[in-house]
Amino acid sequence: MTLPLITLAPAGPSPARRQVLARRVRVLVAATITYNVVEAVVAITAGRMASSTALIGFGLDSIIEVSSAAAVAWQFAGRDPQAREKVALRVIAVSFFALAGYVTVDSVRALVGGAEAEHSTLGLVLAALSLAIMPGLSYAQRRSGRELGSRSAVADSKQTLLCTYLSAVLLVGLAVNSLFGWSWADPVAALVIAAVAVKEGREAWRGDACCAVPMTGPVADTLCGGAAGDSDACGCRPGCSCYAADAN
């Protein structure tokens, strides 16, 4: 008895689709770099004027985001982006750790020394603007990176998403300080920034393999439909940062 042949769909996007996705990633990276350069200049300037550790830390995070995006841009400028991925991930991870170290030292110094941050209207506007812009940019990066199967692009999207969280933390810290005069709220907000940066740096260093491009076809349907659905072959696993966001 002859069994019918089952045609398996190829894993991942076609070469033409990969070119489209690669171009999209480059455009998103360019937009990220441009916005974060402006954000860094404004945040650091406003932070120095208001003696705000959180604002300065936010500006430094923007510089880190530029280095992260630049690493991805370098990766996709080569003929074989996948071959450069590990180096790009290392650059992103080290950037996170550097940010966390600086912000932690500066925050502790501000708390121990009793330094008081002043009200910053410019800082409040910047934090609110970033909170509105960054989620959409991060989503576009993550979606393109996952379809392309690029861990570095996904890691960079998480760096952009981190900027969203930091914008919210910064906004709350600055608002509390301005409304109630609680100067300690500023360095505490900065410490939250540092803690999140460490977490994201560890994930970037490991490569966050759970966000690889998913398999397609009958084999993937079988694997992802039962107990084996927790495997990386399905693209995402429960507990991974991309699981809930991309489950749809």
Protein backbone atom coordinates (compact mmCIF):
# COMPACT_ATOMS: atom_id res chain seq x y z
CA MET A 1 0.00 0.00 0.00
CA THR A 2 1.38 3.35 -1.01
CA LEU A 3 0.91 6.15 1.44
CA PRO A 4 0.18 9.63 0.07
CA LEU A 5 3.02 12.08 0.24
CA ILE A 6 2.60 14.99 2.64
CA THR A 7 4.03 18.28 1.46
CA LEU A 8 5.64 20.19 4.26
CA ALA A 9 5.58 23.97 4.16
CA PRO A 10 9.06 25.49 4.43
CA ALA A 11 10.06 26.79 7.84
CA GLY A 12 10.31 30.54 7.97
CA PRO A 13 9.66 33.19 5.31
CA SER A 14 10.66 32.90 1.65
CA PRO A 15 13.87 34.62 0.45
CA ALA A 16 11.84 37.45 -1.10
CA ARG A 17 9.91 37.94 2.12
CA ARG A 18 13.14 37.90 4.12
CA GLN A 19 14.47 40.75 1.99
CA VAL A 20 11.32 42.77 2.65
CA LEU A 21 11.58 42.09 6.39
CA ALA A 22 15.28 42.95 6.46
CA ARG A 23 14.56 46.30 4.77
CA ARG A 24 11.75 46.94 7.26
CA VAL A 25 14.07 46.20 10.17
CA ARG A 26 16.63 48.67 8.79
CA VAL A 27 13.97 51.40 8.49
CA LEU A 28 12.73 50.77 12.03
CA VAL A 29 16.28 50.80 13.33
CA ALA A 30 16.92 54.15 11.61
CA ALA A 31 13.75 55.60 13.15
CA THR A 32 14.76 54.28 16.58
CA ILE A 33 18.22 55.81 16.35
CA THR A 34 16.90 59.20 15.22
CA TYR A 35 14.28 59.45 17.96
CA ASN A 36 16.62 58.28 20.70
CA VAL A 37 19.37 60.72 19.79
CA VAL A 38 16.89 63.58 20.22
CA GLU A 39 15.49 61.97 23.38
CA ALA A 40 18.96 61.57 24.90
CA VAL A 41 19.94 65.19 24.31
CA VAL A 42 16.68 66.53 25.76
CA ALA A 43 16.61 64.15 28.75
CA ILE A 44 20.22 64.68 29.81
CA THR A 45 19.95 68.45 29.39
CA ALA A 46 16.71 68.58 31.40
CA GLY A 47 18.17 66.18 33.98
CA ARG A 48 21.20 68.36 34.59
CA MET A 49 19.05 71.47 34.87
CA ALA A 50 16.76 69.80 37.43
CA SER A 51 19.47 67.66 39.13
CA SER A 52 17.32 64.63 38.27
CA THR A 53 19.05 61.26 38.44
CA ALA A 54 16.05 59.59 36.81
CA LEU A 55 16.04 61.98 33.86
CA ILE A 56 19.77 61.58 33.32
CA GLY A 57 19.40 57.81 33.56
CA PHE A 58 16.57 57.95 31.04
CA GLY A 59 18.77 59.95 28.69
CA LEU A 60 21.60 57.45 29.09
CA ASP A 61 19.15 54.66 28.32
CA SER A 62 18.40 56.47 25.07
CA ILE A 63 22.11 56.41 24.25
CA ILE A 64 22.15 52.70 25.07
CA GLU A 65 19.18 52.23 22.76
CA VAL A 66 21.14 53.96 20.00
CA SER A 67 24.06 51.57 20.49
CA SER A 68 21.65 48.63 20.52
CA ALA A 69 19.96 49.76 17.31
CA ALA A 70 23.35 50.46 15.74
CA ALA A 71 24.40 46.88 16.53
CA VAL A 72 21.33 45.57 14.71
CA ALA A 73 21.98 47.97 11.81
CA TRP A 74 25.55 46.63 11.58
CA GLN A 75 24.24 43.07 11.64
CA PHE A 76 21.80 43.62 8.77
CA ALA A 77 24.33 45.59 6.73
CA GLY A 78 26.27 42.36 6.14
CA ARG A 79 25.57 39.72 3.52
CA ASP A 80 24.83 37.13 6.19
CA PRO A 81 23.04 38.86 9.10
CA GLN A 82 22.64 35.60 11.00
CA ALA A 83 26.41 35.18 11.22
CA ARG A 84 26.66 38.52 13.03
CA GLU A 85 23.74 37.94 15.37
CA LYS A 86 25.69 36.69 18.39
CA VAL A 87 27.99 39.71 18.39
CA ALA A 88 25.00 42.05 18.07
CA LEU A 89 23.32 40.38 21.05
CA ARG A 90 26.47 40.73 23.13
CA VAL A 91 26.65 44.46 22.35
CA ILE A 92 23.01 44.89 23.36
CA ALA A 93 23.51 42.95 26.61
CA VAL A 94 26.66 44.86 27.62
CA SER A 95 24.83 48.11 26.90
CA PHE A 96 22.08 47.13 29.33
CA PHE A 97 24.59 46.21 32.04
CA ALA A 98 26.51 49.47 31.60
CA LEU A 99 23.32 51.47 31.99
CA ALA A 100 22.30 49.54 35.12
CA GLY A 101 25.70 50.05 36.74
CA TYR A 102 25.81 53.78 36.19
CA VAL A 103 22.22 54.45 37.22
CA THR A 104 22.54 52.32 40.37
CA VAL A 105 25.67 54.14 41.59
CA ASP A 106 24.19 57.55 40.83
CA SER A 107 20.86 56.71 42.48
CA VAL A 108 22.46 55.42 45.69
CA ARG A 109 24.66 58.50 45.80
CA ALA A 110 21.58 60.73 45.47
CA LEU A 111 19.69 58.84 48.20
CA VAL A 112 22.61 58.80 50.65
CA GLY A 113 23.67 62.36 49.90
CA GLY A 114 20.15 63.73 50.17
CA ALA A 115 20.29 65.43 46.77
CA GLU A 116 16.92 66.88 45.79
CA ALA A 117 15.66 66.89 42.22
CA GLU A 118 13.72 69.94 41.06
CA HIS A 119 10.51 70.14 39.03
CA SER A 120 11.07 69.60 35.30
CA THR A 121 8.26 70.46 32.89
CA LEU A 122 10.46 69.46 29.96
CA GLY A 123 11.10 66.08 31.56
CA LEU A 124 7.40 65.45 32.12
CA VAL A 125 6.57 66.29 28.49
CA LEU A 126 9.39 64.07 27.21
CA ALA A 127 8.32 61.11 29.34
CA ALA A 128 4.70 61.44 28.19
CA LEU A 129 5.75 61.71 24.53
CA SER A 130 7.97 58.62 24.74
CA LEU A 131 5.20 56.71 26.49
CA ALA A 132 2.98 57.41 23.48
CA ILE A 133 5.53 56.68 20.72
CA MET A 134 7.60 53.73 21.90
CA PRO A 135 4.94 50.96 22.20
CA GLY A 136 4.07 51.13 18.50
CA LEU A 137 7.70 51.20 17.42
CA SER A 138 8.54 48.25 19.67
CA TYR A 139 5.60 46.22 18.36
CA ALA A 140 6.64 46.78 14.74
CA GLN A 141 10.22 45.77 15.53
CA ARG A 142 9.21 42.65 17.44
CA ARG A 143 6.74 41.52 14.79
CA SER A 144 9.27 41.89 11.96
CA GLY A 145 12.08 40.34 14.02
CA ARG A 146 10.03 37.27 14.97
CA GLU A 147 8.86 36.64 11.43
CA LEU A 148 12.43 37.00 10.22
CA GLY A 149 13.70 34.74 13.01
CA SER A 150 16.20 37.36 14.21
CA ARG A 151 16.87 37.21 17.94
CA SER A 152 18.86 40.47 17.82
CA ALA A 153 15.96 42.34 16.21
CA VAL A 154 13.63 40.94 18.89
CA ALA A 155 16.14 41.92 21.60
CA ASP A 156 16.32 45.43 20.19
CA SER A 157 12.52 45.63 20.19
CA LYS A 158 12.64 44.75 23.89
CA GLN A 159 15.13 47.55 24.40
CA THR A 160 12.59 49.86 22.78
CA LEU A 161 9.82 48.38 24.93
CA LEU A 162 12.01 48.98 27.98
CA CYS A 163 12.00 52.64 27.01
CA THR A 164 8.20 52.53 27.30
CA TYR A 165 8.38 51.12 30.83
CA LEU A 166 11.04 53.60 31.79
CA SER A 167 8.94 56.45 30.39
CA ALA A 168 6.09 55.40 32.68
CA VAL A 169 8.42 55.07 35.69
CA LEU A 170 10.03 58.41 34.92
CA LEU A 171 6.67 60.11 34.47
CA VAL A 172 5.43 58.84 37.83
CA GLY A 173 8.67 59.75 39.60
CA LEU A 174 8.78 63.27 38.19
CA ALA A 175 5.07 63.83 38.84
CA VAL A 176 5.27 62.66 42.46
CA ASN A 177 8.29 64.85 43.07
CA SER A 178 6.59 67.87 41.48
CA LEU A 179 3.23 67.43 43.21
CA PHE A 180 4.30 66.35 46.69
CA GLY A 181 7.95 67.36 46.90
CA TRP A 182 9.07 63.78 47.49
CA SER A 183 12.62 64.10 46.19
CA TRP A 184 13.40 60.47 47.01
CA ALA A 185 10.96 59.39 44.30
CA ASP A 186 13.42 60.44 41.60
CA PRO A 187 16.37 58.16 42.54
CA VAL A 188 13.95 55.34 43.43
CA ALA A 189 12.50 55.59 39.92
CA ALA A 190 16.04 55.45 38.58
CA LEU A 191 16.72 52.25 40.57
CA VAL A 192 13.67 50.65 38.96
CA ILE A 193 15.17 51.56 35.60
CA ALA A 194 18.43 49.87 36.60
CA ALA A 195 16.68 46.68 37.78
CA VAL A 196 14.75 46.31 34.52
CA ALA A 197 17.94 46.95 32.54
CA VAL A 198 19.73 44.08 34.32
CA LYS A 199 16.87 41.70 33.54
CA GLU A 200 16.82 42.63 29.86
CA GLY A 201 20.61 42.45 29.66
CA ARG A 202 20.60 38.88 30.96
CA GLU A 203 17.98 37.85 28.42
CA ALA A 204 19.90 39.48 25.57
CA TRP A 205 23.11 37.73 26.66
CA ARG A 206 21.35 34.35 26.66
CA GLY A 207 19.89 35.10 23.24
CA ASP A 208 16.24 34.69 24.31
CA ALA A 209 15.98 31.64 22.03
CA CYS A 210 12.29 31.19 22.72
CA CYS A 211 11.44 33.93 20.25
CA ALA A 212 12.76 32.15 17.18
CA VAL A 213 10.62 32.07 14.07
CA PRO A 214 7.98 29.32 14.41
CA MET A 215 7.76 26.22 12.25
CA THR A 216 4.91 25.84 9.79
CA GLY A 217 3.09 22.92 8.25
CA PRO A 218 1.73 19.59 9.57
CA VAL A 219 4.79 18.86 11.70
CA ALA A 220 4.43 22.17 13.52
CA ASP A 221 0.68 21.57 13.91
CA THR A 222 1.43 18.26 15.59
CA LEU A 223 4.22 19.54 17.82
CA CYS A 224 2.45 22.69 18.93
CA GLY A 225 -0.93 21.12 19.44
CA GLY A 226 -0.11 18.89 22.39
CA ALA A 227 2.34 18.60 25.26
CA ALA A 228 5.22 19.27 22.90
CA GLY A 229 3.77 22.73 22.28
CA ASP A 230 6.09 24.01 24.99
CA SER A 231 9.12 23.44 22.77
CA ASP A 232 11.04 26.12 20.90
CA ALA A 233 9.86 24.58 17.63
CA CYS A 234 6.60 26.41 18.19
CA GLY A 235 8.35 29.75 18.19
CA CYS A 236 7.30 30.79 21.70
CA ARG A 237 6.92 29.09 25.04
CA PRO A 238 4.86 30.01 28.10
CA GLY A 239 7.00 32.25 30.27
CA CYS A 240 8.87 33.82 27.37
CA SER A 241 8.53 37.54 26.87
CA CYS A 242 7.13 37.09 23.37
CA TYR A 243 4.58 34.41 24.28
CA ALA A 244 1.61 36.45 25.43
CA ALA A 245 2.28 39.34 23.08
CA ASP A 246 2.44 37.23 19.96
CA ALA A 247 0.03 34.44 20.82
CA ASN A 248 -2.52 35.97 18.47
